[in-house]
Amino acid sequence: MDFLMALVVYIIPIIILYFVIAAGVKKGLDRSEVGRIIMERHDEKNNQTNK
């Protein structure tokens, strides 16, 4: 029972923190100039590959 409680106390907050950080990074890249340039180049590569 102690193991299960420790699992909940330590693992669940780490999972929540992961999703918060991932969302923050994605939002930051979407709003930054460098992120926009990277996405444009990535889209250009995909468009050239699909032709």
C-alpha atoms as a PDB file:
ATOM      1  CA  MET A   1       0.000   0.000   0.000  1.00  0.00           C
ATOM      2  CA  ASP A   2       2.866   2.367   0.749  1.00  0.00           C
ATOM      3  CA  PHE A   3       4.344   1.643  -2.645  1.00  0.00           C
ATOM      4  CA  LEU A   4       1.099   2.536  -4.367  1.00  0.00           C
ATOM      5  CA  MET A   5       0.811   5.776  -2.419  1.00  0.00           C
ATOM      6  CA  ALA A   6       4.409   6.708  -3.226  1.00  0.00           C
ATOM      7  CA  LEU A   7       3.733   5.963  -6.878  1.00  0.00           C
ATOM      8  CA  VAL A   8       0.775   8.332  -6.896  1.00  0.00           C
ATOM      9  CA  VAL A   9       2.590  11.044  -4.962  1.00  0.00           C
ATOM     10  CA  TYR A  10       5.670  11.067  -7.212  1.00  0.00           C
ATOM     11  CA  ILE A  11       4.577   9.913 -10.656  1.00  0.00           C
ATOM     12  CA  ILE A  12       1.318  11.827 -11.143  1.00  0.00           C
ATOM     13  CA  PRO A  13       2.869  15.296 -10.535  1.00  0.00           C
ATOM     14  CA  ILE A  14       5.725  14.465 -12.906  1.00  0.00           C
ATOM     15  CA  ILE A  15       3.233  13.521 -15.633  1.00  0.00           C
ATOM     16  CA  ILE A  16       1.281  16.731 -15.074  1.00  0.00           C
ATOM     17  CA  LEU A  17       4.503  18.759 -15.133  1.00  0.00           C
ATOM     18  CA  TYR A  18       5.512  17.101 -18.413  1.00  0.00           C
ATOM     19  CA  PHE A  19       2.271  18.159 -20.104  1.00  0.00           C
ATOM     20  CA  VAL A  20       2.527  21.712 -18.735  1.00  0.00           C
ATOM     21  CA  ILE A  21       6.108  22.098 -19.980  1.00  0.00           C
ATOM     22  CA  ALA A  22       5.280  20.534 -23.369  1.00  0.00           C
ATOM     23  CA  ALA A  23       2.350  22.910 -23.848  1.00  0.00           C
ATOM     24  CA  GLY A  24       4.485  25.896 -22.850  1.00  0.00           C
ATOM     25  CA  VAL A  25       7.268  24.993 -25.259  1.00  0.00           C
ATOM     26  CA  LYS A  26       4.817  24.444 -28.112  1.00  0.00           C
ATOM     27  CA  LYS A  27       3.104  27.768 -27.443  1.00  0.00           C
ATOM     28  CA  GLY A  28       6.476  29.512 -27.197  1.00  0.00           C
ATOM     29  CA  LEU A  29       7.696  28.083 -30.494  1.00  0.00           C
ATOM     30  CA  ASP A  30       4.448  28.958 -32.236  1.00  0.00           C
ATOM     31  CA  ARG A  31       4.699  32.585 -31.131  1.00  0.00           C
ATOM     32  CA  SER A  32       8.420  33.123 -31.702  1.00  0.00           C
ATOM     33  CA  GLU A  33       9.972  34.320 -34.933  1.00  0.00           C
ATOM     34  CA  VAL A  34      12.457  31.441 -34.984  1.00  0.00           C
ATOM     35  CA  GLY A  35       9.639  28.942 -34.483  1.00  0.00           C
ATOM     36  CA  ARG A  36       7.732  30.395 -37.411  1.00  0.00           C
ATOM     37  CA  ILE A  37      10.798  30.193 -39.665  1.00  0.00           C
ATOM     38  CA  ILE A  38      11.414  26.580 -38.654  1.00  0.00           C
ATOM     39  CA  MET A  39       7.791  25.648 -39.344  1.00  0.00           C
ATOM     40  CA  GLU A  40       7.848  27.403 -42.745  1.00  0.00           C
ATOM     41  CA  ARG A  41      10.996  25.543 -43.780  1.00  0.00           C
ATOM     42  CA  HIS A  42       9.569  22.272 -42.517  1.00  0.00           C
ATOM     43  CA  ASP A  43       6.371  22.839 -44.513  1.00  0.00           C
ATOM     44  CA  GLU A  44       8.394  23.714 -47.625  1.00  0.00           C
ATOM     45  CA  LYS A  45      10.371  20.472 -47.320  1.00  0.00           C
ATOM     46  CA  ASN A  46       7.179  18.461 -46.924  1.00  0.00           C
ATOM     47  CA  ASN A  47       5.590  20.142 -49.939  1.00  0.00           C
ATOM     48  CA  GLN A  48       8.646  19.423 -52.102  1.00  0.00           C
ATOM     49  CA  THR A  49       8.730  15.798 -50.963  1.00  0.00           C
ATOM     50  CA  ASN A  50       5.035  15.223 -51.675  1.00  0.00           C
ATOM     51  CA  LYS A  51       5.248  16.511 -55.291  1.00  0.00           C
END
